[in-house]
Amino acid sequence: MKSSNKKTPRLEDLIPDAERREEILGRMYKGDKLLGEKGIFTDLLQAMVNAALEGEMDHHLKEETRSNK
């Protein structure tokens, strides 16, 4: 079998914000739900969607600024 050279992502790579990472780890060790309205994954998904939307808006505004020059 061929070995993979893929690097396993570290938690720091997946959740760069140290405060957020500690909150998530604390909730996991506490036994909070992963899914559902107040679930850990739900919070992470919301944060990811918000970050993606912010990035999309930043890109759009930069492109608009360039095209108006």
N, C-alpha and C. Protein backbone atom coordinates (compact mmCIF):
# COMPACT_ATOMS: atom_id res chain seq x y z
N MET A 1 0.84 -1.18 0.00
CA MET A 1 0.00 0.00 0.00
C MET A 1 0.88 1.25 0.00
N LYS A 2 0.52 2.22 -0.79
CA LYS A 2 1.29 3.44 -0.94
C LYS A 2 1.05 4.37 0.25
N SER A 3 2.12 4.88 0.84
CA SER A 3 1.95 5.79 1.98
C SER A 3 1.63 7.19 1.48
N SER A 4 0.79 7.87 2.24
CA SER A 4 0.37 9.21 1.87
C SER A 4 1.30 10.24 2.51
N ASN A 5 1.62 11.27 1.77
CA ASN A 5 2.47 12.34 2.28
C ASN A 5 1.64 13.48 2.84
N LYS A 6 0.35 13.28 2.97
CA LYS A 6 -0.52 14.33 3.49
C LYS A 6 -0.21 14.58 4.95
N LYS A 7 -0.13 15.84 5.28
CA LYS A 7 0.11 16.24 6.66
C LYS A 7 -1.24 16.35 7.38
N THR A 8 -1.33 15.72 8.53
CA THR A 8 -2.55 15.80 9.32
C THR A 8 -2.64 17.20 9.93
N PRO A 9 -3.76 17.91 9.68
CA PRO A 9 -3.86 19.27 10.22
C PRO A 9 -3.89 19.25 11.75
N ARG A 10 -3.24 20.21 12.33
CA ARG A 10 -3.26 20.37 13.78
C ARG A 10 -4.47 21.21 14.16
N LEU A 11 -4.87 21.11 15.40
CA LEU A 11 -6.01 21.88 15.88
C LEU A 11 -5.75 23.37 15.71
N GLU A 12 -4.51 23.79 15.90
CA GLU A 12 -4.15 25.19 15.74
C GLU A 12 -4.35 25.67 14.30
N ASP A 13 -4.19 24.75 13.34
CA ASP A 13 -4.41 25.09 11.94
C ASP A 13 -5.90 25.20 11.63
N LEU A 14 -6.69 24.34 12.26
CA LEU A 14 -8.12 24.34 12.01
C LEU A 14 -8.85 25.47 12.72
N ILE A 15 -8.40 25.79 13.94
CA ILE A 15 -9.02 26.85 14.73
C ILE A 15 -7.88 27.77 15.21
N PRO A 16 -7.50 28.75 14.38
CA PRO A 16 -6.34 29.58 14.71
C PRO A 16 -6.53 30.49 15.94
N ASP A 17 -7.76 30.85 16.25
CA ASP A 17 -8.03 31.72 17.40
C ASP A 17 -7.90 30.90 18.69
N ALA A 18 -6.87 31.21 19.49
CA ALA A 18 -6.58 30.43 20.70
C ALA A 18 -7.74 30.46 21.69
N GLU A 19 -8.36 31.60 21.85
CA GLU A 19 -9.47 31.71 22.79
C GLU A 19 -10.65 30.83 22.36
N ARG A 20 -10.95 30.86 21.07
CA ARG A 20 -12.04 30.05 20.52
C ARG A 20 -11.71 28.56 20.65
N ARG A 21 -10.45 28.22 20.38
CA ARG A 21 -10.00 26.82 20.47
C ARG A 21 -10.17 26.30 21.89
N GLU A 22 -9.77 27.09 22.89
CA GLU A 22 -9.91 26.68 24.28
C GLU A 22 -11.38 26.53 24.67
N GLU A 23 -12.23 27.42 24.16
CA GLU A 23 -13.67 27.33 24.44
C GLU A 23 -14.23 26.01 23.89
N ILE A 24 -13.87 25.69 22.67
CA ILE A 24 -14.38 24.48 22.03
C ILE A 24 -13.88 23.23 22.76
N LEU A 25 -12.59 23.21 23.09
CA LEU A 25 -12.05 22.07 23.82
C LEU A 25 -12.73 21.91 25.18
N GLY A 26 -12.94 23.02 25.87
CA GLY A 26 -13.63 22.97 27.16
C GLY A 26 -15.03 22.41 27.04
N ARG A 27 -15.75 22.85 26.00
CA ARG A 27 -17.11 22.34 25.78
C ARG A 27 -17.10 20.86 25.44
N MET A 28 -16.09 20.42 24.69
CA MET A 28 -16.00 19.00 24.34
C MET A 28 -15.74 18.16 25.59
N TYR A 29 -14.78 18.59 26.40
CA TYR A 29 -14.46 17.85 27.62
C TYR A 29 -15.62 17.87 28.61
N LYS A 30 -16.40 18.93 28.57
CA LYS A 30 -17.56 19.05 29.45
C LYS A 30 -18.69 18.11 29.00
N GLY A 31 -18.65 17.71 27.73
CA GLY A 31 -19.66 16.78 27.23
C GLY A 31 -20.82 17.46 26.52
N ASP A 32 -20.62 18.71 26.09
CA ASP A 32 -21.68 19.40 25.36
C ASP A 32 -22.00 18.67 24.06
N LYS A 33 -23.21 18.87 23.57
CA LYS A 33 -23.65 18.25 22.32
C LYS A 33 -22.80 18.75 21.16
N LEU A 34 -22.58 17.86 20.19
CA LEU A 34 -21.87 18.26 18.98
C LEU A 34 -22.82 18.91 17.98
N LEU A 35 -24.02 18.35 17.86
CA LEU A 35 -24.99 18.82 16.88
C LEU A 35 -26.20 19.42 17.57
N GLY A 36 -26.99 20.11 16.79
CA GLY A 36 -28.21 20.70 17.33
C GLY A 36 -28.09 22.20 17.53
N GLU A 37 -29.13 22.78 18.07
CA GLU A 37 -29.21 24.23 18.18
C GLU A 37 -28.05 24.85 18.96
N LYS A 38 -27.65 24.25 20.04
CA LYS A 38 -26.55 24.79 20.86
C LYS A 38 -25.30 23.92 20.76
N GLY A 39 -25.19 23.13 19.69
CA GLY A 39 -24.09 22.19 19.55
C GLY A 39 -22.78 22.86 19.19
N ILE A 40 -21.69 22.18 19.49
CA ILE A 40 -20.35 22.69 19.21
C ILE A 40 -20.15 22.84 17.70
N PHE A 41 -20.54 21.84 16.93
CA PHE A 41 -20.37 21.90 15.48
C PHE A 41 -21.20 23.03 14.88
N THR A 42 -22.38 23.26 15.43
CA THR A 42 -23.24 24.33 14.93
C THR A 42 -22.55 25.67 15.07
N ASP A 43 -21.91 25.90 16.22
CA ASP A 43 -21.17 27.14 16.44
C ASP A 43 -20.00 27.27 15.46
N LEU A 44 -19.27 26.17 15.26
CA LEU A 44 -18.14 26.19 14.33
C LEU A 44 -18.60 26.46 12.90
N LEU A 45 -19.70 25.82 12.52
CA LEU A 45 -20.23 26.03 11.18
C LEU A 45 -20.65 27.48 10.98
N GLN A 46 -21.30 28.05 11.97
CA GLN A 46 -21.72 29.46 11.88
C GLN A 46 -20.51 30.37 11.76
N ALA A 47 -19.46 30.11 12.52
CA ALA A 47 -18.24 30.92 12.45
C ALA A 47 -17.59 30.79 11.07
N MET A 48 -17.59 29.56 10.52
CA MET A 48 -17.00 29.34 9.21
C MET A 48 -17.79 30.07 8.12
N VAL A 49 -19.11 29.99 8.19
CA VAL A 49 -19.96 30.67 7.20
C VAL A 49 -19.74 32.18 7.28
N ASN A 50 -19.70 32.72 8.50
CA ASN A 50 -19.49 34.16 8.67
C ASN A 50 -18.13 34.58 8.11
N ALA A 51 -17.09 33.79 8.36
CA ALA A 51 -15.76 34.12 7.85
C ALA A 51 -15.75 34.07 6.32
N ALA A 52 -16.43 33.08 5.74
CA ALA A 52 -16.49 32.97 4.29
C ALA A 52 -17.23 34.16 3.69
N LEU A 53 -18.32 34.56 4.31
CA LEU A 53 -19.08 35.72 3.81
C LEU A 53 -18.27 37.01 3.92
N GLU A 54 -17.54 37.16 5.01
CA GLU A 54 -16.68 38.35 5.15
C GLU A 54 -15.61 38.37 4.07
N GLY A 55 -15.00 37.21 3.81
CA GLY A 55 -13.98 37.11 2.76
C GLY A 55 -14.56 37.42 1.40
N GLU A 56 -15.75 36.92 1.15
CA GLU A 56 -16.42 37.18 -0.13
C GLU A 56 -16.70 38.67 -0.29
N MET A 57 -17.17 39.31 0.76
CA MET A 57 -17.47 40.74 0.71
C MET A 57 -16.19 41.56 0.51
N ASP A 58 -15.14 41.19 1.23
CA ASP A 58 -13.86 41.90 1.07
C ASP A 58 -13.36 41.80 -0.37
N HIS A 59 -13.44 40.60 -0.93
CA HIS A 59 -13.00 40.39 -2.31
C HIS A 59 -13.85 41.23 -3.26
N HIS A 60 -15.14 41.22 -3.08
CA HIS A 60 -16.05 41.98 -3.94
C HIS A 60 -15.73 43.47 -3.88
N LEU A 61 -15.52 43.99 -2.67
CA LEU A 61 -15.24 45.41 -2.52
C LEU A 61 -13.89 45.78 -3.13
N LYS A 62 -12.89 44.91 -3.00
CA LYS A 62 -11.58 45.19 -3.63
C LYS A 62 -11.70 45.19 -5.15
N GLU A 63 -12.45 44.25 -5.69
CA GLU A 63 -12.64 44.20 -7.14
C GLU A 63 -13.38 45.43 -7.63
N GLU A 64 -14.38 45.86 -6.87
CA GLU A 64 -15.17 47.04 -7.24
C GLU A 64 -14.28 48.29 -7.22
N THR A 65 -13.41 48.39 -6.22
CA THR A 65 -12.50 49.52 -6.11
C THR A 65 -11.54 49.54 -7.29
N ARG A 66 -11.01 48.38 -7.66
CA ARG A 66 -10.09 48.31 -8.81
C ARG A 66 -10.77 48.69 -10.11
N SER A 67 -12.01 48.28 -10.29
CA SER A 67 -12.70 48.55 -11.55
C SER A 67 -13.13 50.02 -11.66
N ASN A 68 -13.20 50.75 -10.55
CA ASN A 68 -13.60 52.15 -10.57
C ASN A 68 -12.41 53.09 -10.80
N LYS A 69 -11.21 52.56 -10.83
CA LYS A 69 -10.02 53.41 -11.03
C LYS A 69 -9.84 53.81 -12.46
